[in-house]
Amino acid sequence: MQNPARYLVVIDAAGEMLARMFDAQRKLMVDFDASSSEVAIMTQGLVSTRTAAATEWDAALAGHSAREREQAEVYLLDL
């Protein structure tokens, strides 16, 4: 059984906005286009934080630049 998604990160990836879902251990579950309607539905009523530059995201977002990580929106999803 797969762990539930805990985080949704909306991040620029070389000019394309991606939505990346991670479990509680920050293991990548899925990537998809951040302009999809699913992102709006999942984030309705949630407030993002700018915490993707924190060290706990180093491994999960290793392919992203420091600037991309600083500008990313991180949402804590309801379980």
C-alpha atoms as a PDB file:
ATOM      1  CA  MET A   1       0.000   0.000   0.000  1.00  0.00           C
ATOM      2  CA  GLN A   2       1.332   3.447  -0.931  1.00  0.00           C
ATOM      3  CA  ASN A   3       1.694   6.177   1.681  1.00  0.00           C
ATOM      4  CA  PRO A   4      -0.672   9.136   1.325  1.00  0.00           C
ATOM      5  CA  ALA A   5       0.574  12.378  -0.180  1.00  0.00           C
ATOM      6  CA  ARG A   6       1.584  14.874   2.487  1.00  0.00           C
ATOM      7  CA  TYR A   7       3.180  17.720   0.526  1.00  0.00           C
ATOM      8  CA  LEU A   8       2.413  19.434  -2.748  1.00  0.00           C
ATOM      9  CA  VAL A   9       5.271  21.513  -4.128  1.00  0.00           C
ATOM     10  CA  VAL A  10       4.636  23.907  -7.008  1.00  0.00           C
ATOM     11  CA  ILE A  11       8.026  24.678  -8.503  1.00  0.00           C
ATOM     12  CA  ASP A  12       9.549  26.143 -11.641  1.00  0.00           C
ATOM     13  CA  ALA A  13      11.533  23.568 -13.610  1.00  0.00           C
ATOM     14  CA  ALA A  14      13.473  25.392 -16.340  1.00  0.00           C
ATOM     15  CA  GLY A  15      10.541  27.656 -17.152  1.00  0.00           C
ATOM     16  CA  GLU A  16       7.773  25.083 -16.746  1.00  0.00           C
ATOM     17  CA  MET A  17       5.682  25.047 -13.572  1.00  0.00           C
ATOM     18  CA  LEU A  18       5.445  21.570 -12.067  1.00  0.00           C
ATOM     19  CA  ALA A  19       3.365  20.205  -9.236  1.00  0.00           C
ATOM     20  CA  ARG A  20       5.255  17.532  -7.345  1.00  0.00           C
ATOM     21  CA  MET A  21       3.599  15.409  -4.671  1.00  0.00           C
ATOM     22  CA  PHE A  22       5.621  13.877  -1.846  1.00  0.00           C
ATOM     23  CA  ASP A  23       4.802  11.564   1.040  1.00  0.00           C
ATOM     24  CA  ALA A  24       5.631  12.402   4.671  1.00  0.00           C
ATOM     25  CA  GLN A  25       9.247  11.242   4.181  1.00  0.00           C
ATOM     26  CA  ARG A  26       9.521  13.578   1.171  1.00  0.00           C
ATOM     27  CA  LYS A  27       9.671  10.703  -1.284  1.00  0.00           C
ATOM     28  CA  LEU A  28       8.425  11.764  -4.714  1.00  0.00           C
ATOM     29  CA  MET A  29       5.083  10.223  -5.600  1.00  0.00           C
ATOM     30  CA  VAL A  30       4.092  11.998  -8.831  1.00  0.00           C
ATOM     31  CA  ASP A  31       4.856  15.018 -11.052  1.00  0.00           C
ATOM     32  CA  PHE A  32       2.274  16.822 -13.167  1.00  0.00           C
ATOM     33  CA  ASP A  33       1.552  20.162 -14.830  1.00  0.00           C
ATOM     34  CA  ALA A  34       0.931  22.799 -12.153  1.00  0.00           C
ATOM     35  CA  SER A  35      -1.645  24.550 -14.353  1.00  0.00           C
ATOM     36  CA  SER A  36      -3.996  21.569 -14.097  1.00  0.00           C
ATOM     37  CA  SER A  37      -7.316  21.973 -12.320  1.00  0.00           C
ATOM     38  CA  GLU A  38      -6.257  19.355  -9.755  1.00  0.00           C
ATOM     39  CA  VAL A  39      -3.776  21.809  -8.223  1.00  0.00           C
ATOM     40  CA  ALA A  40      -6.489  24.412  -7.689  1.00  0.00           C
ATOM     41  CA  ILE A  41      -8.749  21.803  -6.082  1.00  0.00           C
ATOM     42  CA  MET A  42      -6.040  20.373  -3.803  1.00  0.00           C
ATOM     43  CA  THR A  43      -4.866  23.786  -2.612  1.00  0.00           C
ATOM     44  CA  GLN A  44      -8.275  25.353  -2.060  1.00  0.00           C
ATOM     45  CA  GLY A  45      -8.278  26.868   1.421  1.00  0.00           C
ATOM     46  CA  LEU A  46      -4.591  26.067   2.023  1.00  0.00           C
ATOM     47  CA  VAL A  47      -1.804  28.588   2.506  1.00  0.00           C
ATOM     48  CA  SER A  48       1.571  27.836   0.979  1.00  0.00           C
ATOM     49  CA  THR A  49       4.898  28.368   2.662  1.00  0.00           C
ATOM     50  CA  ARG A  50       8.262  29.092   1.085  1.00  0.00           C
ATOM     51  CA  THR A  51      10.167  26.278   2.744  1.00  0.00           C
ATOM     52  CA  ALA A  52      11.566  24.339  -0.228  1.00  0.00           C
ATOM     53  CA  ALA A  53      14.981  25.918   0.391  1.00  0.00           C
ATOM     54  CA  ALA A  54      15.184  24.265   3.829  1.00  0.00           C
ATOM     55  CA  THR A  55      17.621  21.391   4.275  1.00  0.00           C
ATOM     56  CA  GLU A  56      14.862  18.795   4.668  1.00  0.00           C
ATOM     57  CA  TRP A  57      14.083  19.320   0.952  1.00  0.00           C
ATOM     58  CA  ASP A  58      17.706  18.877  -0.239  1.00  0.00           C
ATOM     59  CA  ALA A  59      17.375  15.274  -1.417  1.00  0.00           C
ATOM     60  CA  ALA A  60      13.806  15.530  -2.698  1.00  0.00           C
ATOM     61  CA  LEU A  61      14.483  18.628  -4.813  1.00  0.00           C
ATOM     62  CA  ALA A  62      18.137  17.980  -5.684  1.00  0.00           C
ATOM     63  CA  GLY A  63      17.524  18.581  -9.391  1.00  0.00           C
ATOM     64  CA  HIS A  64      16.273  22.118  -8.820  1.00  0.00           C
ATOM     65  CA  SER A  65      18.363  25.253  -8.505  1.00  0.00           C
ATOM     66  CA  ALA A  66      18.535  27.223  -5.279  1.00  0.00           C
ATOM     67  CA  ARG A  67      16.462  29.977  -6.929  1.00  0.00           C
ATOM     68  CA  GLU A  68      13.753  27.531  -8.013  1.00  0.00           C
ATOM     69  CA  ARG A  69      13.596  26.108  -4.509  1.00  0.00           C
ATOM     70  CA  GLU A  70      13.419  29.552  -2.880  1.00  0.00           C
ATOM     71  CA  GLN A  71      10.482  30.522  -5.083  1.00  0.00           C
ATOM     72  CA  ALA A  72       8.616  27.222  -4.759  1.00  0.00           C
ATOM     73  CA  GLU A  73       5.263  27.037  -3.006  1.00  0.00           C
ATOM     74  CA  VAL A  74       4.937  24.186  -0.500  1.00  0.00           C
ATOM     75  CA  TYR A  75       1.509  23.057   0.647  1.00  0.00           C
ATOM     76  CA  LEU A  76       0.905  20.754   3.586  1.00  0.00           C
ATOM     77  CA  LEU A  77      -1.970  18.518   2.517  1.00  0.00           C
ATOM     78  CA  ASP A  78      -4.679  17.346   4.873  1.00  0.00           C
ATOM     79  CA  LEU A  79      -4.508  13.642   5.646  1.00  0.00           C
END
